[in-house]
């Protein structure tokens, strides 16, 4: 399942506020380094960071999908390997047990409970 991408209410609010401030003056300077230009730069930095975050999530999703697909194919290969050992040596052989199988003679059989 893909991870939820993120949006920012704060970034949207800042963009709307910037548009409103620009309607006052596109070169407004409020002192202490608070200018329209620095505000625009801060908003752009926020956009880039949010984009990087969402891109990184997409890359992580792709990597997780690749691992899941690999695990499925490896599981199938493991099963095929055990079946090949069983076909070559038999399901009751020590080789089958060494390969990870349970020997047929060592399987637990279900016991039925007697009626009372």
PDB file of N, CA and C in Angstrom:
ATOM      1  N   UNK A   1       0.842  -1.170   0.000  1.00  0.00           N
ATOM      2  CA  UNK A   1       0.000   0.000   0.000  1.00  0.00           C
ATOM      3  C   UNK A   1       0.890   1.237   0.000  1.00  0.00           C
ATOM      4  N   UNK A   2       0.567   2.177  -0.859  1.00  0.00           N
ATOM      5  CA  UNK A   2       1.364   3.393  -0.983  1.00  0.00           C
ATOM      6  C   UNK A   2       1.191   4.278   0.246  1.00  0.00           C
ATOM      7  N   UNK A   3       2.277   4.906   0.619  1.00  0.00           N
ATOM      8  CA  UNK A   3       2.221   5.825   1.754  1.00  0.00           C
ATOM      9  C   UNK A   3       1.499   7.100   1.342  1.00  0.00           C
ATOM     10  N   UNK A   4       0.825   7.708   2.287  1.00  0.00           N
ATOM     11  CA  UNK A   4       0.055   8.922   2.030  1.00  0.00           C
ATOM     12  C   UNK A   4       1.000  10.092   1.774  1.00  0.00           C
ATOM     13  N   UNK A   5       0.833  10.736   0.634  1.00  0.00           N
ATOM     14  CA  UNK A   5       1.625  11.928   0.325  1.00  0.00           C
ATOM     15  C   UNK A   5       1.113  13.078   1.183  1.00  0.00           C
ATOM     16  N   UNK A   6       1.950  14.057   1.367  1.00  0.00           N
ATOM     17  CA  UNK A   6       1.614  15.120   2.294  1.00  0.00           C
ATOM     18  C   UNK A   6       1.392  16.433   1.566  1.00  0.00           C
ATOM     19  N   UNK A   7       0.451  17.191   2.070  1.00  0.00           N
ATOM     20  CA  UNK A   7       0.264  18.568   1.623  1.00  0.00           C
ATOM     21  C   UNK A   7       0.426  19.435   2.863  1.00  0.00           C
ATOM     22  N   UNK A   8       0.469  20.743   2.671  1.00  0.00           N
ATOM     23  CA  UNK A   8       0.717  21.619   3.806  1.00  0.00           C
ATOM     24  C   UNK A   8      -0.303  22.746   3.843  1.00  0.00           C
ATOM     25  N   UNK A   9      -1.092  22.769   4.901  1.00  0.00           N
ATOM     26  CA  UNK A   9      -2.040  23.866   5.084  1.00  0.00           C
ATOM     27  C   UNK A   9      -1.294  25.166   5.330  1.00  0.00           C
ATOM     28  N   UNK A  10      -0.188  25.081   6.060  1.00  0.00           N
ATOM     29  CA  UNK A  10       0.605  26.272   6.376  1.00  0.00           C
ATOM     30  C   UNK A  10       1.169  26.879   5.098  1.00  0.00           C
ATOM     31  N   UNK A  11       1.635  26.032   4.191  1.00  0.00           N
ATOM     32  CA  UNK A  11       2.183  26.519   2.927  1.00  0.00           C
ATOM     33  C   UNK A  11       1.098  27.182   2.086  1.00  0.00           C
ATOM     34  N   UNK A  12      -0.063  26.585   2.028  1.00  0.00           N
ATOM     35  CA  UNK A  12      -1.179  27.183   1.285  1.00  0.00           C
ATOM     36  C   UNK A  12      -1.582  28.529   1.866  1.00  0.00           C
ATOM     37  N   UNK A  13      -1.631  28.602   3.183  1.00  0.00           N
ATOM     38  CA  UNK A  13      -1.982  29.860   3.852  1.00  0.00           C
ATOM     39  C   UNK A  13      -0.936  30.932   3.566  1.00  0.00           C
ATOM     40  N   UNK A  14       0.345  30.544   3.583  1.00  0.00           N
ATOM     41  CA  UNK A  14       1.420  31.497   3.304  1.00  0.00           C
ATOM     42  C   UNK A  14       1.338  32.001   1.865  1.00  0.00           C
ATOM     43  N   UNK A  15       1.002  31.118   0.919  1.00  0.00           N
ATOM     44  CA  UNK A  15       0.877  31.541  -0.483  1.00  0.00           C
ATOM     45  C   UNK A  15      -0.262  32.542  -0.652  1.00  0.00           C
ATOM     46  N   UNK A  16      -1.379  32.290   0.007  1.00  0.00           N
ATOM     47  CA  UNK A  16      -2.502  33.243  -0.063  1.00  0.00           C
ATOM     48  C   UNK A  16      -2.132  34.573   0.595  1.00  0.00           C
ATOM     49  N   UNK A  17      -1.421  34.493   1.709  1.00  0.00           N
ATOM     50  CA  UNK A  17      -1.015  35.715   2.395  1.00  0.00           C
ATOM     51  C   UNK A  17      -0.024  36.504   1.542  1.00  0.00           C
ATOM     52  N   UNK A  18       0.876  35.818   0.853  1.00  0.00           N
ATOM     53  CA  UNK A  18       1.836  36.494  -0.023  1.00  0.00           C
ATOM     54  C   UNK A  18       1.105  37.246  -1.123  1.00  0.00           C
ATOM     55  N   UNK A  19       0.098  36.614  -1.711  1.00  0.00           N
ATOM     56  CA  UNK A  19      -0.674  37.283  -2.762  1.00  0.00           C
ATOM     57  C   UNK A  19      -1.342  38.539  -2.209  1.00  0.00           C
ATOM     58  N   UNK A  20      -1.861  38.455  -0.988  1.00  0.00           N
ATOM     59  CA  UNK A  20      -2.507  39.622  -0.379  1.00  0.00           C
ATOM     60  C   UNK A  20      -1.493  40.722  -0.083  1.00  0.00           C
ATOM     61  N   UNK A  21      -0.310  40.342   0.397  1.00  0.00           N
ATOM     62  CA  UNK A  21       0.728  41.337   0.700  1.00  0.00           C
ATOM     63  C   UNK A  21       1.226  41.986  -0.580  1.00  0.00           C
ATOM     64  N   UNK A  22       1.345  41.197  -1.656  1.00  0.00           N
ATOM     65  CA  UNK A  22       1.786  41.764  -2.933  1.00  0.00           C
ATOM     66  C   UNK A  22       0.771  42.766  -3.473  1.00  0.00           C
ATOM     67  N   UNK A  23      -0.496  42.609  -3.107  1.00  0.00           N
ATOM     68  CA  UNK A  23      -1.492  43.581  -3.565  1.00  0.00           C
ATOM     69  C   UNK A  23      -1.287  44.936  -2.885  1.00  0.00           C
ATOM     70  N   UNK A  24      -0.642  44.924  -1.717  1.00  0.00           N
ATOM     71  CA  UNK A  24      -0.286  46.184  -1.057  1.00  0.00           C
ATOM     72  C   UNK A  24       0.891  46.806  -1.795  1.00  0.00           C
ATOM     73  N   UNK A  25       1.967  46.018  -1.914  1.00  0.00           N
ATOM     74  CA  UNK A  25       3.158  46.481  -2.628  1.00  0.00           C
ATOM     75  C   UNK A  25       4.033  45.266  -2.908  1.00  0.00           C
ATOM     76  N   UNK A  26       4.520  45.170  -4.143  1.00  0.00           N
ATOM     77  CA  UNK A  26       5.344  44.017  -4.501  1.00  0.00           C
ATOM     78  C   UNK A  26       6.762  44.135  -3.950  1.00  0.00           C
ATOM     79  N   UNK A  27       7.116  45.307  -3.419  1.00  0.00           N
ATOM     80  CA  UNK A  27       8.452  45.483  -2.842  1.00  0.00           C
ATOM     81  C   UNK A  27       8.351  45.950  -1.387  1.00  0.00           C
ATOM     82  N   UNK A  28       7.345  45.500  -0.683  1.00  0.00           N
ATOM     83  CA  UNK A  28       7.105  45.909   0.699  1.00  0.00           C
ATOM     84  C   UNK A  28       8.242  45.431   1.600  1.00  0.00           C
ATOM     85  N   UNK A  29       8.753  46.351   2.438  1.00  0.00           N
ATOM     86  CA  UNK A  29       9.804  46.030   3.402  1.00  0.00           C
ATOM     87  C   UNK A  29       9.281  46.404   4.780  1.00  0.00           C
ATOM     88  N   UNK A  30       9.112  45.397   5.645  1.00  0.00           N
ATOM     89  CA  UNK A  30       8.555  45.634   6.974  1.00  0.00           C
ATOM     90  C   UNK A  30       9.632  45.726   8.052  1.00  0.00           C
ATOM     91  N   UNK A  31      10.888  45.748   7.661  1.00  0.00           N
ATOM     92  CA  UNK A  31      11.995  45.854   8.605  1.00  0.00           C
ATOM     93  C   UNK A  31      12.394  44.492   9.161  1.00  0.00           C
ATOM     94  N   UNK A  32      13.561  44.460   9.793  1.00  0.00           N
ATOM     95  CA  UNK A  32      14.112  43.229  10.390  1.00  0.00           C
ATOM     96  C   UNK A  32      14.191  42.076   9.387  1.00  0.00           C
ATOM     97  N   UNK A  33      14.477  42.390   8.137  1.00  0.00           N
ATOM     98  CA  UNK A  33      14.630  41.360   7.112  1.00  0.00           C
ATOM     99  C   UNK A  33      13.323  40.765   6.628  1.00  0.00           C
ATOM    100  N   UNK A  34      12.223  41.389   6.972  1.00  0.00           N
ATOM    101  CA  UNK A  34      10.919  40.885   6.541  1.00  0.00           C
ATOM    102  C   UNK A  34      10.480  41.642   5.296  1.00  0.00           C
ATOM    103  N   UNK A  35      10.816  41.030   4.150  1.00  0.00           N
ATOM    104  CA  UNK A  35      10.446  41.626   2.872  1.00  0.00           C
ATOM    105  C   UNK A  35       9.631  40.610   2.084  1.00  0.00           C
ATOM    106  N   UNK A  36       8.995  41.108   1.040  1.00  0.00           N
ATOM    107  CA  UNK A  36       8.231  40.222   0.162  1.00  0.00           C
ATOM    108  C   UNK A  36       9.166  39.176  -0.445  1.00  0.00           C
ATOM    109  N   UNK A  37      10.364  39.599  -0.802  1.00  0.00           N
ATOM    110  CA  UNK A  37      11.323  38.681  -1.423  1.00  0.00           C
ATOM    111  C   UNK A  37      11.727  37.556  -0.462  1.00  0.00           C
ATOM    112  N   UNK A  38      12.020  37.873   0.798  1.00  0.00           N
ATOM    113  CA  UNK A  38      12.403  36.818   1.750  1.00  0.00           C
ATOM    114  C   UNK A  38      11.224  35.887   2.042  1.00  0.00           C
ATOM    115  N   UNK A  39      10.021  36.453   2.053  1.00  0.00           N
ATOM    116  CA  UNK A  39       8.823  35.644   2.272  1.00  0.00           C
ATOM    117  C   UNK A  39       8.628  34.671   1.103  1.00  0.00           C
ATOM    118  N   UNK A  40       8.828  35.167  -0.126  1.00  0.00           N
ATOM    119  CA  UNK A  40       8.733  34.305  -1.311  1.00  0.00           C
ATOM    120  C   UNK A  40       9.774  33.194  -1.262  1.00  0.00           C
ATOM    121  N   UNK A  41      10.988  33.537  -0.837  1.00  0.00           N
ATOM    122  CA  UNK A  41      12.057  32.539  -0.752  1.00  0.00           C
ATOM    123  C   UNK A  41      11.724  31.462   0.285  1.00  0.00           C
ATOM    124  N   UNK A  42      11.164  31.891   1.417  1.00  0.00           N
ATOM    125  CA  UNK A  42      10.789  30.927   2.453  1.00  0.00           C
ATOM    126  C   UNK A  42       9.679  29.999   1.952  1.00  0.00           C
ATOM    127  N   UNK A  43       8.719  30.551   1.240  1.00  0.00           N
ATOM    128  CA  UNK A  43       7.631  29.734   0.688  1.00  0.00           C
ATOM    129  C   UNK A  43       8.181  28.743  -0.337  1.00  0.00           C
ATOM    130  N   UNK A  44       9.082  29.199  -1.187  1.00  0.00           N
ATOM    131  CA  UNK A  44       9.683  28.319  -2.191  1.00  0.00           C
ATOM    132  C   UNK A  44      10.482  27.197  -1.526  1.00  0.00           C
ATOM    133  N   UNK A  45      11.197  27.522  -0.450  1.00  0.00           N
ATOM    134  CA  UNK A  45      11.935  26.500   0.293  1.00  0.00           C
ATOM    135  C   UNK A  45      10.966  25.448   0.845  1.00  0.00           C
ATOM    136  N   UNK A  46       9.840  25.902   1.360  1.00  0.00           N
ATOM    137  CA  UNK A  46       8.818  24.979   1.860  1.00  0.00           C
ATOM    138  C   UNK A  46       8.275  24.087   0.756  1.00  0.00           C
ATOM    139  N   UNK A  47       8.037  24.659  -0.420  1.00  0.00           N
ATOM    140  CA  UNK A  47       7.562  23.862  -1.567  1.00  0.00           C
ATOM    141  C   UNK A  47       8.571  22.782  -1.937  1.00  0.00           C
ATOM    142  N   UNK A  48       9.859  23.174  -2.004  1.00  0.00           N
ATOM    143  CA  UNK A  48      10.908  22.219  -2.380  1.00  0.00           C
ATOM    144  C   UNK A  48      11.025  21.093  -1.352  1.00  0.00           C
ATOM    145  N   UNK A  49      10.953  21.457  -0.066  1.00  0.00           N
ATOM    146  CA  UNK A  49      11.060  20.429   0.975  1.00  0.00           C
ATOM    147  C   UNK A  49       9.873  19.473   0.930  1.00  0.00           C
ATOM    148  N   UNK A  50       8.694  20.002   0.706  1.00  0.00           N
ATOM    149  CA  UNK A  50       7.502  19.162   0.613  1.00  0.00           C
ATOM    150  C   UNK A  50       7.585  18.248  -0.610  1.00  0.00           C
ATOM    151  N   UNK A  51       8.053  18.790  -1.721  1.00  0.00           N
ATOM    152  CA  UNK A  51       8.222  17.986  -2.932  1.00  0.00           C
ATOM    153  C   UNK A  51       9.254  16.884  -2.703  1.00  0.00           C
ATOM    154  N   UNK A  52      10.363  17.223  -2.041  1.00  0.00           N
ATOM    155  CA  UNK A  52      11.398  16.234  -1.739  1.00  0.00           C
ATOM    156  C   UNK A  52      10.836  15.131  -0.845  1.00  0.00           C
ATOM    157  N   UNK A  53      10.061  15.520   0.155  1.00  0.00           N
ATOM    158  CA  UNK A  53       9.443  14.556   1.071  1.00  0.00           C
ATOM    159  C   UNK A  53       8.544  13.587   0.304  1.00  0.00           C
ATOM    160  N   UNK A  54       7.672  14.120  -0.534  1.00  0.00           N
ATOM    161  CA  UNK A  54       6.742  13.277  -1.289  1.00  0.00           C
ATOM    162  C   UNK A  54       7.468  12.395  -2.299  1.00  0.00           C
ATOM    163  N   UNK A  55       8.527  12.932  -2.919  1.00  0.00           N
ATOM    164  CA  UNK A  55       9.322  12.143  -3.859  1.00  0.00           C
ATOM    165  C   UNK A  55      10.030  11.002  -3.132  1.00  0.00           C
ATOM    166  N   UNK A  56      10.544  11.297  -1.943  1.00  0.00           N
ATOM    167  CA  UNK A  56      11.216  10.274  -1.149  1.00  0.00           C
ATOM    168  C   UNK A  56      10.241   9.173  -0.739  1.00  0.00           C
ATOM    169  N   UNK A  57       9.011   9.556  -0.390  1.00  0.00           N
ATOM    170  CA  UNK A  57       7.995   8.548  -0.067  1.00  0.00           C
ATOM    171  C   UNK A  57       7.723   7.646  -1.269  1.00  0.00           C
ATOM    172  N   UNK A  58       7.649   8.239  -2.452  1.00  0.00           N
ATOM    173  CA  UNK A  58       7.411   7.441  -3.660  1.00  0.00           C
ATOM    174  C   UNK A  58       8.556   6.464  -3.901  1.00  0.00           C
ATOM    175  N   UNK A  59       9.787   6.935  -3.674  1.00  0.00           N
ATOM    176  CA  UNK A  59      10.948   6.058  -3.846  1.00  0.00           C
ATOM    177  C   UNK A  59      10.919   4.926  -2.816  1.00  0.00           C
ATOM    178  N   UNK A  60      10.531   5.243  -1.590  1.00  0.00           N
ATOM    179  CA  UNK A  60      10.436   4.211  -0.551  1.00  0.00           C
ATOM    180  C   UNK A  60       9.353   3.193  -0.908  1.00  0.00           C
ATOM    181  N   UNK A  61       8.234   3.663  -1.452  1.00  0.00           N
ATOM    182  CA  UNK A  61       7.167   2.755  -1.890  1.00  0.00           C
ATOM    183  C   UNK A  61       7.672   1.824  -2.989  1.00  0.00           C
ATOM    184  N   UNK A  62       8.420   2.381  -3.934  1.00  0.00           N
ATOM    185  CA  UNK A  62       8.951   1.569  -5.029  1.00  0.00           C
ATOM    186  C   UNK A  62       9.928   0.522  -4.497  1.00  0.00           C
ATOM    187  N   UNK A  63      10.774   0.920  -3.542  1.00  0.00           N
ATOM    188  CA  UNK A  63      11.728  -0.024  -2.958  1.00  0.00           C
ATOM    189  C   UNK A  63      11.003  -1.123  -2.186  1.00  0.00           C
ATOM    190  N   UNK A  64       9.968  -0.758  -1.449  1.00  0.00           N
ATOM    191  CA  UNK A  64       9.200  -1.754  -0.691  1.00  0.00           C
ATOM    192  C   UNK A  64       8.513  -2.738  -1.633  1.00  0.00           C
ATOM    193  N   UNK A  65       7.985  -2.241  -2.739  1.00  0.00           N
ATOM    194  CA  UNK A  65       7.346  -3.110  -3.724  1.00  0.00           C
ATOM    195  C   UNK A  65       8.365  -4.072  -4.330  1.00  0.00           C
ATOM    196  N   UNK A  66       9.559  -3.561  -4.624  1.00  0.00           N
ATOM    197  CA  UNK A  66      10.607  -4.412  -5.191  1.00  0.00           C
ATOM    198  C   UNK A  66      11.000  -5.519  -4.215  1.00  0.00           C
ATOM    199  N   UNK A  67      11.111  -5.192  -2.934  1.00  0.00           N
ATOM    200  CA  UNK A  67      11.462  -6.198  -1.928  1.00  0.00           C
ATOM    201  C   UNK A  67      10.356  -7.245  -1.815  1.00  0.00           C
ATOM    202  N   UNK A  68       9.109  -6.809  -1.810  1.00  0.00           N
ATOM    203  CA  UNK A  68       7.983  -7.740  -1.711  1.00  0.00           C
ATOM    204  C   UNK A  68       7.957  -8.699  -2.897  1.00  0.00           C
ATOM    205  N   UNK A  69       8.161  -8.165  -4.098  1.00  0.00           N
ATOM    206  CA  UNK A  69       8.179  -9.017  -5.292  1.00  0.00           C
ATOM    207  C   UNK A  69       9.344 -10.001  -5.248  1.00  0.00           C
ATOM    208  N   UNK A  70      10.506  -9.518  -4.776  1.00  0.00           N
ATOM    209  CA  UNK A  70      11.666 -10.399  -4.663  1.00  0.00           C
ATOM    210  C   UNK A  70      11.392 -11.520  -3.668  1.00  0.00           C
ATOM    211  N   UNK A  71      10.777 -11.182  -2.528  1.00  0.00           N
ATOM    212  CA  UNK A  71      10.471 -12.195  -1.520  1.00  0.00           C
ATOM    213  C   UNK A  71       9.536 -13.265  -2.080  1.00  0.00           C
ATOM    214  N   UNK A  72       8.552 -12.851  -2.881  1.00  0.00           N
ATOM    215  CA  UNK A  72       7.638 -13.823  -3.483  1.00  0.00           C
ATOM    216  C   UNK A  72       8.385 -14.765  -4.418  1.00  0.00           C
ATOM    217  N   UNK A  73       9.235 -14.202  -5.274  1.00  0.00           N
ATOM    218  CA  UNK A  73       9.956 -15.053  -6.223  1.00  0.00           C
ATOM    219  C   UNK A  73      10.952 -15.957  -5.495  1.00  0.00           C
ATOM    220  N   UNK A  74      11.585 -15.442  -4.434  1.00  0.00           N
ATOM    221  CA  UNK A  74      12.522 -16.266  -3.668  1.00  0.00           C
ATOM    222  C   UNK A  74      11.787 -17.384  -2.934  1.00  0.00           C
ATOM    223  N   UNK A  75      10.601 -17.098  -2.429  1.00  0.00           N
ATOM    224  CA  UNK A  75       9.794 -18.117  -1.756  1.00  0.00           C
ATOM    225  C   UNK A  75       9.422 -19.232  -2.732  1.00  0.00           C
ATOM    226  N   UNK A  76       9.041 -18.856  -3.947  1.00  0.00           N
ATOM    227  CA  UNK A  76       8.709 -19.856  -4.966  1.00  0.00           C
ATOM    228  C   UNK A  76       9.928 -20.695  -5.327  1.00  0.00           C
ATOM    229  N   UNK A  77      11.086 -20.040  -5.441  1.00  0.00           N
ATOM    230  CA  UNK A  77      12.313 -20.767  -5.758  1.00  0.00           C
ATOM    231  C   UNK A  77      12.674 -21.727  -4.629  1.00  0.00           C
ATOM    232  N   UNK A  78      12.510 -21.287  -3.380  1.00  0.00           N
ATOM    233  CA  UNK A  78      12.800 -22.156  -2.235  1.00  0.00           C
ATOM    234  C   UNK A  78      11.907 -23.389  -2.249  1.00  0.00           C
ATOM    235  N   UNK A  79      10.636 -23.182  -2.542  1.00  0.00           N
ATOM    236  CA  UNK A  79       9.698 -24.302  -2.617  1.00  0.00           C
ATOM    237  C   UNK A  79      10.096 -25.256  -3.747  1.00  0.00           C
ATOM    238  N   UNK A  80      10.461 -24.696  -4.898  1.00  0.00           N
ATOM    239  CA  UNK A  80      10.881 -25.523  -6.030  1.00  0.00           C
ATOM    240  C   UNK A  80      12.141 -26.319  -5.695  1.00  0.00           C
ATOM    241  N   UNK A  81      13.069 -25.696  -4.965  1.00  0.00           N
ATOM    242  CA  UNK A  81      14.300 -26.390  -4.590  1.00  0.00           C
ATOM    243  C   UNK A  81      13.986 -27.584  -3.681  1.00  0.00           C
ATOM    244  N   UNK A  82      13.102 -27.372  -2.697  1.00  0.00           N
ATOM    245  CA  UNK A  82      12.740 -28.462  -1.791  1.00  0.00           C
ATOM    246  C   UNK A  82      12.022 -29.576  -2.548  1.00  0.00           C
ATOM    247  N   UNK A  83      11.133 -29.199  -3.474  1.00  0.00           N
ATOM    248  CA  UNK A  83      10.442 -30.212  -4.275  1.00  0.00           C
ATOM    249  C   UNK A  83      11.418 -30.985  -5.158  1.00  0.00           C
ATOM    250  N   UNK A  84      12.429 -30.304  -5.671  1.00  0.00           N
ATOM    251  CA  UNK A  84      13.430 -30.983  -6.501  1.00  0.00           C
ATOM    252  C   UNK A  84      14.243 -31.967  -5.664  1.00  0.00           C
ATOM    253  N   UNK A  85      14.581 -31.580  -4.427  1.00  0.00           N
ATOM    254  CA  UNK A  85      15.295 -32.503  -3.536  1.00  0.00           C
ATOM    255  C   UNK A  85      14.406 -33.707  -3.241  1.00  0.00           C
ATOM    256  N   UNK A  86      13.108 -33.457  -3.001  1.00  0.00           N
ATOM    257  CA  UNK A  86      12.176 -34.557  -2.731  1.00  0.00           C
ATOM    258  C   UNK A  86      12.061 -35.479  -3.939  1.00  0.00           C
ATOM    259  N   UNK A  87      12.039 -34.904  -5.134  1.00  0.00           N
ATOM    260  CA  UNK A  87      11.925 -35.720  -6.345  1.00  0.00           C
ATOM    261  C   UNK A  87      13.177 -36.565  -6.557  1.00  0.00           C
ATOM    262  N   UNK A  88      14.324 -36.021  -6.223  1.00  0.00           N
ATOM    263  CA  UNK A  88      15.569 -36.737  -6.464  1.00  0.00           C
ATOM    264  C   UNK A  88      15.857 -37.781  -5.384  1.00  0.00           C
ATOM    265  N   UNK A  89      15.629 -37.422  -4.118  1.00  0.00           N
ATOM    266  CA  UNK A  89      16.013 -38.307  -3.017  1.00  0.00           C
ATOM    267  C   UNK A  89      14.831 -38.956  -2.296  1.00  0.00           C
ATOM    268  N   UNK A  90      13.630 -38.441  -2.487  1.00  0.00           N
ATOM    269  CA  UNK A  90      12.457 -38.973  -1.799  1.00  0.00           C
ATOM    270  C   UNK A  90      12.119 -38.141  -0.563  1.00  0.00           C
ATOM    271  N   UNK A  91      10.823 -38.187  -0.192  1.00  0.00           N
ATOM    272  CA  UNK A  91      10.375 -37.364   0.930  1.00  0.00           C
ATOM    273  C   UNK A  91      10.713 -37.965   2.292  1.00  0.00           C
ATOM    274  N   UNK A  92      11.233 -39.173   2.309  1.00  0.00           N
ATOM    275  CA  UNK A  92      11.603 -39.793   3.580  1.00  0.00           C
ATOM    276  C   UNK A  92      13.117 -39.923   3.704  1.00  0.00           C
ATOM    277  N   UNK A  93      13.848 -39.175   2.908  1.00  0.00           N
ATOM    278  CA  UNK A  93      15.305 -39.291   2.904  1.00  0.00           C
ATOM    279  C   UNK A  93      15.948 -38.286   3.857  1.00  0.00           C
ATOM    280  N   UNK A  94      17.151 -38.593   4.307  1.00  0.00           N
ATOM    281  CA  UNK A  94      17.867 -37.630   5.158  1.00  0.00           C
ATOM    282  C   UNK A  94      18.234 -36.354   4.383  1.00  0.00           C
ATOM    283  N   UNK A  95      18.426 -36.480   3.073  1.00  0.00           N
ATOM    284  CA  UNK A  95      18.739 -35.298   2.258  1.00  0.00           C
ATOM    285  C   UNK A  95      17.569 -34.319   2.250  1.00  0.00           C
ATOM    286  N   UNK A  96      16.352 -34.867   2.180  1.00  0.00           N
ATOM    287  CA  UNK A  96      15.144 -34.027   2.211  1.00  0.00           C
ATOM    288  C   UNK A  96      15.064 -33.286   3.540  1.00  0.00           C
ATOM    289  N   UNK A  97      15.391 -33.982   4.615  1.00  0.00           N
ATOM    290  CA  UNK A  97      15.384 -33.354   5.935  1.00  0.00           C
ATOM    291  C   UNK A  97      16.480 -32.290   6.029  1.00  0.00           C
ATOM    292  N   UNK A  98      17.648 -32.572   5.461  1.00  0.00           N
ATOM    293  CA  UNK A  98      18.750 -31.599   5.477  1.00  0.00           C
ATOM    294  C   UNK A  98      18.386 -30.343   4.690  1.00  0.00           C
ATOM    295  N   UNK A  99      17.553 -30.502   3.661  1.00  0.00           N
ATOM    296  CA  UNK A  99      17.145 -29.361   2.837  1.00  0.00           C
ATOM    297  C   UNK A  99      16.039 -28.543   3.493  1.00  0.00           C
ATOM    298  N   UNK A 100      15.529 -29.017   4.636  1.00  0.00           N
ATOM    299  CA  UNK A 100      14.520 -28.242   5.347  1.00  0.00           C
ATOM    300  C   UNK A 100      13.147 -28.863   5.373  1.00  0.00           C
ATOM    301  N   UNK A 101      12.979 -30.019   4.764  1.00  0.00           N
ATOM    302  CA  UNK A 101      11.689 -30.690   4.773  1.00  0.00           C
ATOM    303  C   UNK A 101      11.525 -31.557   6.012  1.00  0.00           C
ATOM    304  N   UNK A 102      10.305 -31.969   6.273  1.00  0.00           N
ATOM    305  CA  UNK A 102      10.028 -32.891   7.377  1.00  0.00           C
ATOM    306  C   UNK A 102       9.824 -34.272   6.762  1.00  0.00           C
ATOM    307  N   UNK A 103      10.620 -35.215   7.223  1.00  0.00           N
ATOM    308  CA  UNK A 103      10.542 -36.570   6.677  1.00  0.00           C
ATOM    309  C   UNK A 103       9.158 -37.147   6.898  1.00  0.00           C
ATOM    310  N   UNK A 104       8.713 -37.905   5.919  1.00  0.00           N
ATOM    311  CA  UNK A 104       7.367 -38.478   5.964  1.00  0.00           C
ATOM    312  C   UNK A 104       7.188 -39.366   7.201  1.00  0.00           C
ATOM    313  N   UNK A 105       8.231 -40.094   7.576  1.00  0.00           N
ATOM    314  CA  UNK A 105       8.127 -40.991   8.733  1.00  0.00           C
ATOM    315  C   UNK A 105       8.105 -40.222  10.054  1.00  0.00           C
ATOM    316  N   UNK A 106       8.473 -38.958  10.044  1.00  0.00           N
ATOM    317  CA  UNK A 106       8.508 -38.167  11.277  1.00  0.00           C
ATOM    318  C   UNK A 106       7.339 -37.196  11.400  1.00  0.00           C
ATOM    319  N   UNK A 107       6.451 -37.219  10.445  1.00  0.00           N
ATOM    320  CA  UNK A 107       5.286 -36.321  10.521  1.00  0.00           C
ATOM    321  C   UNK A 107       4.361 -36.753  11.644  1.00  0.00           C
ATOM    322  N   UNK A 108       3.800 -35.786  12.321  1.00  0.00           N
ATOM    323  CA  UNK A 108       2.823 -36.093  13.362  1.00  0.00           C
ATOM    324  C   UNK A 108       1.479 -36.303  12.691  1.00  0.00           C
ATOM    325  N   UNK A 109       0.869 -37.396  13.021  1.00  0.00           N
ATOM    326  CA  UNK A 109      -0.441 -37.681  12.454  1.00  0.00           C
ATOM    327  C   UNK A 109      -1.504 -37.229  13.440  1.00  0.00           C
ATOM    328  N   UNK A 110      -2.587 -36.672  12.932  1.00  0.00           N
ATOM    329  CA  UNK A 110      -3.639 -36.224  13.851  1.00  0.00           C
ATOM    330  C   UNK A 110      -4.279 -37.421  14.553  1.00  0.00           C
ATOM    331  N   UNK A 111      -4.525 -37.245  15.823  1.00  0.00           N
ATOM    332  CA  UNK A 111      -5.182 -38.306  16.580  1.00  0.00           C
ATOM    333  C   UNK A 111      -6.617 -37.899  16.845  1.00  0.00           C
ATOM    334  N   UNK A 112      -7.492 -38.875  16.701  1.00  0.00           N
ATOM    335  CA  UNK A 112      -8.903 -38.602  16.943  1.00  0.00           C
ATOM    336  C   UNK A 112      -9.222 -38.911  18.396  1.00  0.00           C
ATOM    337  N   UNK A 113     -10.009 -38.053  18.956  1.00  0.00           N
ATOM    338  CA  UNK A 113     -10.406 -38.270  20.344  1.00  0.00           C
ATOM    339  C   UNK A 113     -11.529 -39.305  20.382  1.00  0.00           C
ATOM    340  N   UNK A 114     -11.434 -40.194  21.334  1.00  0.00           N
ATOM    341  CA  UNK A 114     -12.451 -41.243  21.475  1.00  0.00           C
ATOM    342  C   UNK A 114     -13.731 -40.644  22.033  1.00  0.00           C
ATOM    343  N   UNK A 115     -14.852 -41.199  21.569  1.00  0.00           N
ATOM    344  CA  UNK A 115     -16.142 -40.732  22.075  1.00  0.00           C
ATOM    345  C   UNK A 115     -16.351 -41.265  23.478  1.00  0.00           C
ATOM    346  N   UNK A 116     -16.946 -40.484  24.290  1.00  0.00           N
ATOM    347  CA  UNK A 116     -17.181 -40.910  25.672  1.00  0.00           C
ATOM    348  C   UNK A 116     -18.621 -41.169  25.926  1.00  0.00           C
TER     349      UNK A 116
END
